[in-house]
């Protein structure tokens, strides 16, 4: 998946610069897990990410999508000679329509919306965008902020891509099963 610089290309290989085949690239949670579960550290982060998604579903949100990025989707093992520490996630969902009392929901689900708490509990660098706000200046600024922040490597300013994964409780079950089987195999080795 990575180019020679160790990142996901911002535009699909072989496509013209104006091609719609560009980041964020749609990928299923199962494909994502299967592509990135190749080390103990990455498996632990993926388990946390799937637990985070499960907590989202348990909180009453089952629709939306997530932009996924950070060193987790880079070949950071080669770039910086280290494993990733977490996974960066922006969750886009219809909070206002789905959640009758958002402030109460946010208080009860602090582990989902408070970045340091989510990072500590799930290894997820967590951010949210409420799609119910509508297409307005604030929502456009928020989306362009994330897109511009995530379109470049932090230290080198190399252009890079990232992924979009739909929220899907049923697909997550399959991904959890896959990771469980990997964990059993590595524990028996």
Protein backbone atom coordinates (compact mmCIF):
# COMPACT_ATOMS: atom_id res chain seq x y z
CA UNK A 1 0.00 0.00 0.00
CA UNK A 2 2.85 2.38 0.73
CA UNK A 3 4.87 4.28 -1.80
CA UNK A 4 8.67 4.56 -1.70
CA UNK A 5 8.37 7.28 0.98
CA UNK A 6 6.45 4.90 3.26
CA UNK A 7 3.08 6.63 3.00
CA UNK A 8 -0.24 5.99 1.28
CA UNK A 9 -0.13 7.98 -2.00
CA UNK A 10 -2.55 10.95 -1.96
CA UNK A 11 -3.73 10.09 -5.49
CA UNK A 12 -4.11 6.51 -6.72
CA UNK A 13 -1.02 5.26 -8.52
CA UNK A 14 -1.22 5.88 -12.26
CA UNK A 15 -4.04 8.41 -11.96
CA UNK A 16 -3.91 12.02 -13.15
CA UNK A 17 -3.67 14.76 -10.52
CA UNK A 18 -7.32 15.71 -10.99
CA UNK A 19 -8.56 12.10 -10.69
CA UNK A 20 -11.37 11.41 -8.23
CA UNK A 21 -9.44 8.26 -7.20
CA UNK A 22 -7.76 9.98 -4.29
CA UNK A 23 -7.60 10.14 -0.54
CA UNK A 24 -9.52 9.46 1.57
CA UNK A 25 -9.64 5.93 0.17
CA UNK A 26 -12.69 3.83 1.07
CA UNK A 27 -11.78 0.56 2.75
CA UNK A 28 -13.82 -1.91 4.78
CA UNK A 29 -12.89 -2.48 8.40
CA UNK A 30 -12.01 -6.07 7.51
CA UNK A 31 -9.64 -5.05 4.70
CA UNK A 32 -8.10 -2.42 6.95
CA UNK A 33 -7.48 -4.89 9.78
CA UNK A 34 -6.09 -7.54 7.45
CA UNK A 35 -3.70 -5.05 5.82
CA UNK A 36 -2.37 -3.51 9.03
CA UNK A 37 -2.37 -6.36 11.59
CA UNK A 38 1.22 -7.41 10.95
CA UNK A 39 2.92 -6.74 14.29
CA UNK A 40 2.07 -7.18 17.96
CA UNK A 41 1.93 -3.39 18.48
CA UNK A 42 -0.36 -2.88 15.50
CA UNK A 43 -2.66 -5.72 16.59
CA UNK A 44 -2.98 -4.12 20.05
CA UNK A 45 -3.87 -0.78 18.47
CA UNK A 46 -6.40 -2.44 16.15
CA UNK A 47 -8.00 -4.23 19.11
CA UNK A 48 -8.32 -0.86 20.86
CA UNK A 49 -9.74 0.73 17.70
CA UNK A 50 -12.36 -2.02 17.38
CA UNK A 51 -13.22 -1.68 21.09
CA UNK A 52 -13.62 2.06 20.50
CA UNK A 53 -15.98 1.40 17.59
CA UNK A 54 -17.91 -1.10 19.74
CA UNK A 55 -18.29 1.58 22.43
CA UNK A 56 -19.60 3.98 19.78
CA UNK A 57 -22.25 1.43 18.79
CA UNK A 58 -23.14 0.79 22.44
CA UNK A 59 -23.63 4.54 22.91
CA UNK A 60 -26.41 4.54 20.30
CA UNK A 61 -24.48 5.51 17.17
CA UNK A 62 -24.36 2.91 14.41
CA UNK A 63 -24.13 5.01 11.26
CA UNK A 64 -21.47 7.30 9.93
CA UNK A 65 -17.88 6.89 8.90
CA UNK A 66 -14.36 7.46 10.15
CA UNK A 67 -11.31 9.01 8.59
CA UNK A 68 -8.29 7.01 9.74
CA UNK A 69 -4.71 8.27 9.61
CA UNK A 70 -1.56 8.95 11.58
CA UNK A 71 1.67 7.02 11.81
CA UNK A 72 -0.48 3.89 11.98
CA UNK A 73 -1.18 4.08 8.24
CA UNK A 74 2.44 4.89 7.43
CA UNK A 75 5.38 2.50 7.25
CA UNK A 76 6.59 4.12 10.47
CA UNK A 77 8.68 1.07 11.31
CA UNK A 78 10.93 1.94 8.35
CA UNK A 79 10.52 5.73 8.41
CA UNK A 80 11.31 6.28 12.12
CA UNK A 81 12.46 2.81 13.23
CA UNK A 82 9.57 2.52 15.70
CA UNK A 83 6.09 1.07 16.02
CA UNK A 84 3.01 3.32 15.91
CA UNK A 85 1.70 4.49 19.29
CA UNK A 86 -1.95 4.94 18.35
CA UNK A 87 -4.35 5.46 15.48
CA UNK A 88 -5.78 8.86 14.51
CA UNK A 89 -9.54 8.83 13.94
CA UNK A 90 -12.14 11.47 13.04
CA UNK A 91 -15.67 10.10 13.43
CA UNK A 92 -18.36 11.69 11.25
CA UNK A 93 -21.88 10.95 12.47
CA UNK A 94 -25.35 12.42 12.85
CA UNK A 95 -25.15 13.17 16.55
CA UNK A 96 -27.91 15.75 16.84
CA UNK A 97 -30.57 13.59 15.15
CA UNK A 98 -29.40 10.36 16.78
CA UNK A 99 -28.76 11.58 20.32
CA UNK A 100 -31.73 13.36 21.97
CA UNK A 101 -29.64 15.03 24.70
CA UNK A 102 -26.10 15.49 23.37
CA UNK A 103 -24.63 17.00 26.57
CA UNK A 104 -25.90 14.09 28.66
CA UNK A 105 -24.65 11.61 26.02
CA UNK A 106 -21.20 13.27 25.93
CA UNK A 107 -20.97 13.17 29.73
CA UNK A 108 -21.89 9.47 29.81
CA UNK A 109 -19.54 8.69 26.91
CA UNK A 110 -16.56 10.77 27.94
CA UNK A 111 -14.30 7.89 26.87
CA UNK A 112 -15.40 8.50 23.26
CA UNK A 113 -15.28 12.29 23.02
CA UNK A 114 -12.44 13.26 25.38
CA UNK A 115 -9.28 12.80 23.33
CA UNK A 116 -6.82 12.02 26.19
CA UNK A 117 -9.27 9.52 27.71
CA UNK A 118 -9.90 7.77 24.36
CA UNK A 119 -6.17 7.69 23.66
CA UNK A 120 -5.41 6.14 27.03
CA UNK A 121 -8.29 3.63 26.99
CA UNK A 122 -8.35 2.64 23.31
CA UNK A 123 -5.10 3.90 21.72
CA UNK A 124 -7.33 6.10 19.53
CA UNK A 125 -6.47 9.75 18.94
CA UNK A 126 -10.16 10.67 18.72
CA UNK A 127 -11.99 13.59 17.09
CA UNK A 128 -15.63 14.10 16.06
CA UNK A 129 -17.58 15.94 13.37
CA UNK A 130 -21.38 16.17 13.71
CA UNK A 131 -22.88 15.92 10.23
CA UNK A 132 -26.21 17.29 11.51
CA UNK A 133 -24.68 20.75 11.82
CA UNK A 134 -25.21 21.01 8.09
CA UNK A 135 -23.13 22.32 5.26
CA UNK A 136 -22.07 25.69 6.61
CA UNK A 137 -18.93 27.72 7.11
CA UNK A 138 -18.06 26.03 10.42
CA UNK A 139 -18.50 22.49 9.08
CA UNK A 140 -16.52 23.29 5.93
CA UNK A 141 -13.66 24.72 8.01
CA UNK A 142 -13.65 21.63 10.23
CA UNK A 143 -13.49 19.20 7.29
CA UNK A 144 -10.88 21.18 5.41
CA UNK A 145 -8.84 21.42 8.62
CA UNK A 146 -8.70 17.64 8.95
CA UNK A 147 -8.10 17.11 5.26
CA UNK A 148 -5.24 19.61 5.13
CA UNK A 149 -3.70 18.33 8.38
CA UNK A 150 -3.84 14.73 7.22
CA UNK A 151 -2.70 15.30 3.64
CA UNK A 152 0.91 15.81 4.71
CA UNK A 153 3.37 14.03 6.93
CA UNK A 154 3.91 16.03 10.11
CA UNK A 155 7.72 16.24 10.06
CA UNK A 156 8.52 16.12 6.34
CA UNK A 157 5.48 17.71 4.65
CA UNK A 158 5.39 14.79 2.20
CA UNK A 159 1.96 14.52 0.58
CA UNK A 160 0.10 11.42 1.75
CA UNK A 161 -3.29 9.76 1.75
CA UNK A 162 -5.55 8.24 4.37
CA UNK A 163 -8.62 5.98 4.61
CA UNK A 164 -12.36 6.25 5.18
CA UNK A 165 -14.09 3.34 6.95
CA UNK A 166 -17.87 3.08 7.40
CA UNK A 167 -19.27 2.36 10.83
CA UNK A 168 -20.67 -1.19 10.61
CA UNK A 169 -21.33 -3.29 13.71
CA UNK A 170 -21.69 -6.51 11.69
CA UNK A 171 -18.40 -6.04 9.80
CA UNK A 172 -16.62 -5.21 13.06
CA UNK A 173 -17.60 -8.63 14.45
CA UNK A 174 -15.73 -10.28 11.57
CA UNK A 175 -12.69 -8.04 12.10
CA UNK A 176 -12.63 -8.85 15.83
CA UNK A 177 -12.79 -12.56 15.01
CA UNK A 178 -9.86 -12.19 12.60
CA UNK A 179 -7.74 -10.39 15.23
CA UNK A 180 -8.67 -12.97 17.88
CA UNK A 181 -7.46 -15.74 15.61
CA UNK A 182 -4.19 -13.84 15.01
CA UNK A 183 -3.71 -13.43 18.77
CA UNK A 184 -4.32 -17.14 19.39
CA UNK A 185 -1.82 -18.06 16.66
CA UNK A 186 0.85 -15.70 18.01
CA UNK A 187 0.32 -16.93 21.58
CA UNK A 188 0.71 -20.55 20.43
CA UNK A 189 3.87 -19.81 18.44
